[in-house]
């Protein structure tokens, strides 16, 4: 439990350090895409015959656009 809190606390801080909402979306997409790639890399390194797949929500976040497409992307007064 303590490990999960430590990881999420750091990720939340890094996410909130991004200057705009668009940058936060790009940061989160990068985290998810990298995590999916790490699943594959670890399975390859360990030469697993039946590797654990990345969780479905993680794979969905990794394939979604970082920012909504076809919707208004800025709030009145700027990208916040």
PDB file of N, CA and C in Angstrom:
ATOM      1  N   UNK A   1       0.825  -1.194   0.000  1.00  0.00           N
ATOM      2  CA  UNK A   1       0.000   0.000   0.000  1.00  0.00           C
ATOM      3  C   UNK A   1       0.875   1.266   0.000  1.00  0.00           C
ATOM      4  N   UNK A   2       1.907   1.253   0.826  1.00  0.00           N
ATOM      5  CA  UNK A   2       2.775   2.427   0.910  1.00  0.00           C
ATOM      6  C   UNK A   2       3.450   2.705  -0.434  1.00  0.00           C
ATOM      7  N   UNK A   3       3.823   1.634  -1.144  1.00  0.00           N
ATOM      8  CA  UNK A   3       4.449   1.804  -2.455  1.00  0.00           C
ATOM      9  C   UNK A   3       3.479   2.484  -3.424  1.00  0.00           C
ATOM     10  N   UNK A   4       2.232   2.039  -3.429  1.00  0.00           N
ATOM     11  CA  UNK A   4       1.234   2.626  -4.331  1.00  0.00           C
ATOM     12  C   UNK A   4       1.028   4.108  -4.022  1.00  0.00           C
ATOM     13  N   UNK A   5       0.963   4.443  -2.758  1.00  0.00           N
ATOM     14  CA  UNK A   5       0.788   5.848  -2.358  1.00  0.00           C
ATOM     15  C   UNK A   5       1.989   6.673  -2.805  1.00  0.00           C
ATOM     16  N   UNK A   6       3.182   6.132  -2.627  1.00  0.00           N
ATOM     17  CA  UNK A   6       4.386   6.858  -3.033  1.00  0.00           C
ATOM     18  C   UNK A   6       4.421   7.079  -4.541  1.00  0.00           C
ATOM     19  N   UNK A   7       4.070   6.040  -5.307  1.00  0.00           N
ATOM     20  CA  UNK A   7       4.083   6.158  -6.774  1.00  0.00           C
ATOM     21  C   UNK A   7       3.033   7.163  -7.224  1.00  0.00           C
ATOM     22  N   UNK A   8       1.798   7.016  -6.736  1.00  0.00           N
ATOM     23  CA  UNK A   8       0.731   7.928  -7.164  1.00  0.00           C
ATOM     24  C   UNK A   8       0.978   9.358  -6.702  1.00  0.00           C
ATOM     25  N   UNK A   9       1.579   9.541  -5.539  1.00  0.00           N
ATOM     26  CA  UNK A   9       1.874  10.893  -5.059  1.00  0.00           C
ATOM     27  C   UNK A   9       2.861  11.587  -5.995  1.00  0.00           C
ATOM     28  N   UNK A  10       3.877  10.863  -6.404  1.00  0.00           N
ATOM     29  CA  UNK A  10       4.860  11.452  -7.322  1.00  0.00           C
ATOM     30  C   UNK A  10       4.222  11.730  -8.686  1.00  0.00           C
ATOM     31  N   UNK A  11       3.437  10.755  -9.188  1.00  0.00           N
ATOM     32  CA  UNK A  11       2.805  10.956 -10.496  1.00  0.00           C
ATOM     33  C   UNK A  11       1.832  12.134 -10.457  1.00  0.00           C
ATOM     34  N   UNK A  12       1.083  12.261  -9.379  1.00  0.00           N
ATOM     35  CA  UNK A  12       0.143  13.381  -9.259  1.00  0.00           C
ATOM     36  C   UNK A  12       0.896  14.702  -9.249  1.00  0.00           C
ATOM     37  N   UNK A  13       2.014  14.746  -8.523  1.00  0.00           N
ATOM     38  CA  UNK A  13       2.825  15.959  -8.500  1.00  0.00           C
ATOM     39  C   UNK A  13       3.373  16.304  -9.877  1.00  0.00           C
ATOM     40  N   UNK A  14       3.876  15.293 -10.574  1.00  0.00           N
ATOM     41  CA  UNK A  14       4.407  15.516 -11.928  1.00  0.00           C
ATOM     42  C   UNK A  14       3.298  15.973 -12.872  1.00  0.00           C
ATOM     43  N   UNK A  15       2.131  15.373 -12.747  1.00  0.00           N
ATOM     44  CA  UNK A  15       0.998  15.744 -13.600  1.00  0.00           C
ATOM     45  C   UNK A  15       0.593  17.194 -13.346  1.00  0.00           C
ATOM     46  N   UNK A  16       0.498  17.563 -12.079  1.00  0.00           N
ATOM     47  CA  UNK A  16       0.085  18.924 -11.739  1.00  0.00           C
ATOM     48  C   UNK A  16       1.159  19.961 -12.050  1.00  0.00           C
ATOM     49  N   UNK A  17       2.399  19.521 -12.215  1.00  0.00           N
ATOM     50  CA  UNK A  17       3.481  20.438 -12.588  1.00  0.00           C
ATOM     51  C   UNK A  17       3.413  20.851 -14.058  1.00  0.00           C
ATOM     52  N   UNK A  18       2.610  20.156 -14.843  1.00  0.00           N
ATOM     53  CA  UNK A  18       2.494  20.507 -16.266  1.00  0.00           C
ATOM     54  C   UNK A  18       1.767  21.850 -16.371  1.00  0.00           C
ATOM     55  N   UNK A  19       2.244  22.749 -17.229  1.00  0.00           N
ATOM     56  CA  UNK A  19       1.713  24.112 -17.255  1.00  0.00           C
ATOM     57  C   UNK A  19       0.278  24.253 -17.784  1.00  0.00           C
ATOM     58  N   UNK A  20      -0.179  23.349 -18.637  1.00  0.00           N
ATOM     59  CA  UNK A  20      -1.536  23.472 -19.194  1.00  0.00           C
ATOM     60  C   UNK A  20      -2.247  22.125 -19.136  1.00  0.00           C
ATOM     61  N   UNK A  21      -3.561  22.158 -19.305  1.00  0.00           N
ATOM     62  CA  UNK A  21      -4.339  20.924 -19.348  1.00  0.00           C
ATOM     63  C   UNK A  21      -3.900  20.064 -20.531  1.00  0.00           C
ATOM     64  N   UNK A  22      -3.607  20.700 -21.648  1.00  0.00           N
ATOM     65  CA  UNK A  22      -3.142  19.963 -22.825  1.00  0.00           C
ATOM     66  C   UNK A  22      -1.827  19.233 -22.505  1.00  0.00           C
ATOM     67  N   UNK A  23      -0.927  19.895 -21.797  1.00  0.00           N
ATOM     68  CA  UNK A  23       0.340  19.265 -21.403  1.00  0.00           C
ATOM     69  C   UNK A  23       0.096  18.120 -20.425  1.00  0.00           C
ATOM     70  N   UNK A  24      -0.902  18.265 -19.569  1.00  0.00           N
ATOM     71  CA  UNK A  24      -1.241  17.178 -18.644  1.00  0.00           C
ATOM     72  C   UNK A  24      -1.749  15.964 -19.417  1.00  0.00           C
ATOM     73  N   UNK A  25      -2.553  16.218 -20.452  1.00  0.00           N
ATOM     74  CA  UNK A  25      -3.042  15.122 -21.288  1.00  0.00           C
ATOM     75  C   UNK A  25      -1.893  14.408 -21.982  1.00  0.00           C
ATOM     76  N   UNK A  26      -0.955  15.171 -22.506  1.00  0.00           N
ATOM     77  CA  UNK A  26       0.209  14.583 -23.186  1.00  0.00           C
ATOM     78  C   UNK A  26       1.068  13.801 -22.191  1.00  0.00           C
ATOM     79  N   UNK A  27       1.231  14.343 -20.985  1.00  0.00           N
ATOM     80  CA  UNK A  27       2.009  13.653 -19.956  1.00  0.00           C
ATOM     81  C   UNK A  27       1.353  12.311 -19.618  1.00  0.00           C
ATOM     82  N   UNK A  28       0.041  12.316 -19.389  1.00  0.00           N
ATOM     83  CA  UNK A  28      -0.668  11.092 -19.006  1.00  0.00           C
ATOM     84  C   UNK A  28      -0.620  10.052 -20.125  1.00  0.00           C
ATOM     85  N   UNK A  29      -0.802  10.499 -21.363  1.00  0.00           N
ATOM     86  CA  UNK A  29      -0.724   9.570 -22.490  1.00  0.00           C
ATOM     87  C   UNK A  29       0.663   8.945 -22.556  1.00  0.00           C
ATOM     88  N   UNK A  30       1.698   9.741 -22.327  1.00  0.00           N
ATOM     89  CA  UNK A  30       3.075   9.234 -22.337  1.00  0.00           C
ATOM     90  C   UNK A  30       3.284   8.199 -21.232  1.00  0.00           C
ATOM     91  N   UNK A  31       2.749   8.456 -20.036  1.00  0.00           N
ATOM     92  CA  UNK A  31       2.865   7.494 -18.935  1.00  0.00           C
ATOM     93  C   UNK A  31       2.212   6.171 -19.325  1.00  0.00           C
ATOM     94  N   UNK A  32       1.004   6.245 -19.878  1.00  0.00           N
ATOM     95  CA  UNK A  32       0.272   5.026 -20.243  1.00  0.00           C
ATOM     96  C   UNK A  32       0.940   4.275 -21.396  1.00  0.00           C
ATOM     97  N   UNK A  33       1.360   5.006 -22.420  1.00  0.00           N
ATOM     98  CA  UNK A  33       2.026   4.382 -23.561  1.00  0.00           C
ATOM     99  C   UNK A  33       3.322   3.709 -23.125  1.00  0.00           C
ATOM    100  N   UNK A  34       4.077   4.378 -22.271  1.00  0.00           N
ATOM    101  CA  UNK A  34       5.333   3.807 -21.772  1.00  0.00           C
ATOM    102  C   UNK A  34       5.079   2.558 -20.932  1.00  0.00           C
ATOM    103  N   UNK A  35       4.017   2.569 -20.155  1.00  0.00           N
ATOM    104  CA  UNK A  35       3.696   1.405 -19.317  1.00  0.00           C
ATOM    105  C   UNK A  35       3.333   0.192 -20.162  1.00  0.00           C
ATOM    106  N   UNK A  36       2.566   0.409 -21.224  1.00  0.00           N
ATOM    107  CA  UNK A  36       2.217  -0.698 -22.124  1.00  0.00           C
ATOM    108  C   UNK A  36       3.490  -1.245 -22.772  1.00  0.00           C
ATOM    109  N   UNK A  37       4.379  -0.362 -23.194  1.00  0.00           N
ATOM    110  CA  UNK A  37       5.631  -0.798 -23.819  1.00  0.00           C
ATOM    111  C   UNK A  37       6.505  -1.564 -22.814  1.00  0.00           C
ATOM    112  N   UNK A  38       6.493  -1.144 -21.555  1.00  0.00           N
ATOM    113  CA  UNK A  38       7.276  -1.848 -20.536  1.00  0.00           C
ATOM    114  C   UNK A  38       6.750  -3.257 -20.306  1.00  0.00           C
ATOM    115  N   UNK A  39       5.430  -3.445 -20.372  1.00  0.00           N
ATOM    116  CA  UNK A  39       4.869  -4.795 -20.252  1.00  0.00           C
ATOM    117  C   UNK A  39       5.492  -5.713 -21.314  1.00  0.00           C
ATOM    118  N   UNK A  40       5.519  -5.234 -22.534  1.00  0.00           N
ATOM    119  CA  UNK A  40       6.072  -6.034 -23.632  1.00  0.00           C
ATOM    120  C   UNK A  40       7.571  -6.262 -23.448  1.00  0.00           C
ATOM    121  N   UNK A  41       8.292  -5.231 -23.036  1.00  0.00           N
ATOM    122  CA  UNK A  41       9.736  -5.338 -22.864  1.00  0.00           C
ATOM    123  C   UNK A  41      10.082  -6.335 -21.757  1.00  0.00           C
ATOM    124  N   UNK A  42       9.370  -6.284 -20.649  1.00  0.00           N
ATOM    125  CA  UNK A  42       9.640  -7.208 -19.541  1.00  0.00           C
ATOM    126  C   UNK A  42       9.347  -8.642 -19.962  1.00  0.00           C
ATOM    127  N   UNK A  43       8.241  -8.839 -20.668  1.00  0.00           N
ATOM    128  CA  UNK A  43       7.902 -10.189 -21.137  1.00  0.00           C
ATOM    129  C   UNK A  43       8.988 -10.729 -22.057  1.00  0.00           C
ATOM    130  N   UNK A  44       9.532  -9.879 -22.906  1.00  0.00           N
ATOM    131  CA  UNK A  44      10.604 -10.289 -23.818  1.00  0.00           C
ATOM    132  C   UNK A  44      11.873 -10.620 -23.040  1.00  0.00           C
ATOM    133  N   UNK A  45      12.239  -9.757 -22.113  1.00  0.00           N
ATOM    134  CA  UNK A  45      13.460  -9.986 -21.330  1.00  0.00           C
ATOM    135  C   UNK A  45      13.389 -11.269 -20.507  1.00  0.00           C
ATOM    136  N   UNK A  46      12.194 -11.539 -19.966  1.00  0.00           N
ATOM    137  CA  UNK A  46      12.028 -12.739 -19.146  1.00  0.00           C
ATOM    138  C   UNK A  46      11.709 -13.972 -19.981  1.00  0.00           C
ATOM    139  N   UNK A  47      11.564 -13.764 -21.282  1.00  0.00           N
ATOM    140  CA  UNK A  47      11.244 -14.837 -22.222  1.00  0.00           C
ATOM    141  C   UNK A  47      10.007 -15.620 -21.770  1.00  0.00           C
ATOM    142  N   UNK A  48       8.980 -14.867 -21.421  1.00  0.00           N
ATOM    143  CA  UNK A  48       7.740 -15.477 -20.951  1.00  0.00           C
ATOM    144  C   UNK A  48       6.977 -16.089 -22.110  1.00  0.00           C
ATOM    145  N   UNK A  49       6.523 -17.301 -21.921  1.00  0.00           N
ATOM    146  CA  UNK A  49       5.734 -17.978 -22.953  1.00  0.00           C
ATOM    147  C   UNK A  49       4.320 -17.407 -22.988  1.00  0.00           C
ATOM    148  N   UNK A  50       3.771 -17.140 -21.813  1.00  0.00           N
ATOM    149  CA  UNK A  50       2.407 -16.622 -21.710  1.00  0.00           C
ATOM    150  C   UNK A  50       2.447 -15.358 -20.838  1.00  0.00           C
ATOM    151  N   UNK A  51       2.892 -14.231 -21.399  1.00  0.00           N
ATOM    152  CA  UNK A  51       3.061 -13.019 -20.592  1.00  0.00           C
ATOM    153  C   UNK A  51       1.724 -12.432 -20.146  1.00  0.00           C
ATOM    154  N   UNK A  52       1.765 -11.720 -19.038  1.00  0.00           N
ATOM    155  CA  UNK A  52       0.582 -11.000 -18.576  1.00  0.00           C
ATOM    156  C   UNK A  52       0.361  -9.801 -19.489  1.00  0.00           C
ATOM    157  N   UNK A  53      -0.825  -9.646 -20.013  1.00  0.00           N
ATOM    158  CA  UNK A  53      -1.074  -8.478 -20.856  1.00  0.00           C
ATOM    159  C   UNK A  53      -1.240  -7.230 -19.995  1.00  0.00           C
ATOM    160  N   UNK A  54      -1.014  -6.092 -20.599  1.00  0.00           N
ATOM    161  CA  UNK A  54      -1.299  -4.839 -19.904  1.00  0.00           C
ATOM    162  C   UNK A  54      -2.803  -4.789 -19.632  1.00  0.00           C
ATOM    163  N   UNK A  55      -3.178  -4.135 -18.564  1.00  0.00           N
ATOM    164  CA  UNK A  55      -4.597  -4.035 -18.219  1.00  0.00           C
ATOM    165  C   UNK A  55      -5.342  -3.257 -19.309  1.00  0.00           C
ATOM    166  N   UNK A  56      -6.583  -3.664 -19.554  1.00  0.00           N
ATOM    167  CA  UNK A  56      -7.380  -3.061 -20.619  1.00  0.00           C
ATOM    168  C   UNK A  56      -7.520  -1.534 -20.462  1.00  0.00           C
ATOM    169  N   UNK A  57      -7.830  -1.012 -19.258  1.00  0.00           N
ATOM    170  CA  UNK A  57      -7.920   0.453 -19.140  1.00  0.00           C
ATOM    171  C   UNK A  57      -6.616   1.160 -19.492  1.00  0.00           C
ATOM    172  N   UNK A  58      -5.485   0.558 -19.120  1.00  0.00           N
ATOM    173  CA  UNK A  58      -4.189   1.151 -19.446  1.00  0.00           C
ATOM    174  C   UNK A  58      -3.983   1.189 -20.951  1.00  0.00           C
ATOM    175  N   UNK A  59      -4.339   0.110 -21.632  1.00  0.00           N
ATOM    176  CA  UNK A  59      -4.192   0.079 -23.090  1.00  0.00           C
ATOM    177  C   UNK A  59      -5.133   1.089 -23.754  1.00  0.00           C
ATOM    178  N   UNK A  60      -6.324   1.269 -23.188  1.00  0.00           N
ATOM    179  CA  UNK A  60      -7.246   2.253 -23.748  1.00  0.00           C
ATOM    180  C   UNK A  60      -6.692   3.666 -23.585  1.00  0.00           C
ATOM    181  N   UNK A  61      -6.178   4.000 -22.399  1.00  0.00           N
ATOM    182  CA  UNK A  61      -5.596   5.329 -22.188  1.00  0.00           C
ATOM    183  C   UNK A  61      -4.408   5.549 -23.127  1.00  0.00           C
ATOM    184  N   UNK A  62      -3.634   4.499 -23.379  1.00  0.00           N
ATOM    185  CA  UNK A  62      -2.451   4.618 -24.233  1.00  0.00           C
ATOM    186  C   UNK A  62      -2.818   4.882 -25.689  1.00  0.00           C
ATOM    187  N   UNK A  63      -4.019   4.462 -26.112  1.00  0.00           N
ATOM    188  CA  UNK A  63      -4.394   4.636 -27.515  1.00  0.00           C
ATOM    189  C   UNK A  63      -5.302   5.839 -27.756  1.00  0.00           C
ATOM    190  N   UNK A  64      -5.834   6.423 -26.708  1.00  0.00           N
ATOM    191  CA  UNK A  64      -6.670   7.610 -26.879  1.00  0.00           C
ATOM    192  C   UNK A  64      -5.811   8.814 -27.247  1.00  0.00           C
ATOM    193  N   UNK A  65      -6.399   9.793 -27.943  1.00  0.00           N
ATOM    194  CA  UNK A  65      -5.630  11.013 -28.195  1.00  0.00           C
ATOM    195  C   UNK A  65      -5.331  11.721 -26.876  1.00  0.00           C
ATOM    196  N   UNK A  66      -4.219  12.417 -26.816  1.00  0.00           N
ATOM    197  CA  UNK A  66      -3.830  13.110 -25.584  1.00  0.00           C
ATOM    198  C   UNK A  66      -4.799  14.245 -25.258  1.00  0.00           C
ATOM    199  N   UNK A  67      -5.437  14.761 -26.278  1.00  0.00           N
ATOM    200  CA  UNK A  67      -6.371  15.872 -26.084  1.00  0.00           C
ATOM    201  C   UNK A  67      -7.608  15.586 -26.922  1.00  0.00           C
ATOM    202  N   UNK A  68      -8.807  15.940 -26.436  1.00  0.00           N
ATOM    203  CA  UNK A  68     -10.023  15.655 -27.207  1.00  0.00           C
ATOM    204  C   UNK A  68      -9.946  16.204 -28.631  1.00  0.00           C
ATOM    205  N   UNK A  69     -10.372  15.397 -29.569  1.00  0.00           N
ATOM    206  CA  UNK A  69     -10.344  15.774 -30.973  1.00  0.00           C
ATOM    207  C   UNK A  69     -11.739  16.227 -31.384  1.00  0.00           C
ATOM    208  N   UNK A  70     -11.822  17.328 -32.101  1.00  0.00           N
ATOM    209  CA  UNK A  70     -13.101  17.798 -32.602  1.00  0.00           C
ATOM    210  C   UNK A  70     -13.937  18.538 -31.580  1.00  0.00           C
ATOM    211  N   UNK A  71     -13.353  18.845 -30.423  1.00  0.00           N
ATOM    212  CA  UNK A  71     -14.061  19.595 -29.406  1.00  0.00           C
ATOM    213  C   UNK A  71     -13.322  20.884 -29.147  1.00  0.00           C
ATOM    214  N   UNK A  72     -13.994  21.823 -28.495  1.00  0.00           N
ATOM    215  CA  UNK A  72     -13.339  23.081 -28.151  1.00  0.00           C
ATOM    216  C   UNK A  72     -12.159  22.769 -27.235  1.00  0.00           C
ATOM    217  N   UNK A  73     -10.985  23.269 -27.563  1.00  0.00           N
ATOM    218  CA  UNK A  73      -9.791  22.901 -26.823  1.00  0.00           C
ATOM    219  C   UNK A  73      -9.312  23.997 -25.876  1.00  0.00           C
ATOM    220  N   UNK A  74      -9.931  25.144 -25.893  1.00  0.00           N
ATOM    221  CA  UNK A  74      -9.514  26.193 -24.964  1.00  0.00           C
ATOM    222  C   UNK A  74     -10.732  26.760 -24.253  1.00  0.00           C
ATOM    223  N   UNK A  75     -10.536  27.073 -23.024  1.00  0.00           N
ATOM    224  CA  UNK A  75     -11.582  27.742 -22.249  1.00  0.00           C
ATOM    225  C   UNK A  75     -11.543  29.222 -22.593  1.00  0.00           C
ATOM    226  N   UNK A  76     -12.639  29.921 -22.414  1.00  0.00           N
ATOM    227  CA  UNK A  76     -12.577  31.367 -22.625  1.00  0.00           C
ATOM    228  C   UNK A  76     -11.445  31.945 -21.783  1.00  0.00           C
ATOM    229  N   UNK A  77     -10.574  32.664 -22.409  1.00  0.00           N
ATOM    230  CA  UNK A  77      -9.442  33.246 -21.696  1.00  0.00           C
ATOM    231  C   UNK A  77      -8.156  32.446 -21.814  1.00  0.00           C
ATOM    232  N   UNK A  78      -8.176  31.293 -22.499  1.00  0.00           N
ATOM    233  CA  UNK A  78      -6.933  30.549 -22.695  1.00  0.00           C
ATOM    234  C   UNK A  78      -7.058  29.081 -22.373  1.00  0.00           C
ATOM    235  N   UNK A  79      -5.949  28.372 -22.504  1.00  0.00           N
ATOM    236  CA  UNK A  79      -5.871  26.921 -22.277  1.00  0.00           C
ATOM    237  C   UNK A  79      -5.527  26.689 -20.809  1.00  0.00           C
ATOM    238  N   UNK A  80      -6.524  26.329 -20.002  1.00  0.00           N
ATOM    239  CA  UNK A  80      -6.287  26.172 -18.562  1.00  0.00           C
ATOM    240  C   UNK A  80      -6.553  24.783 -18.116  1.00  0.00           C
TER     241      UNK A  80
END
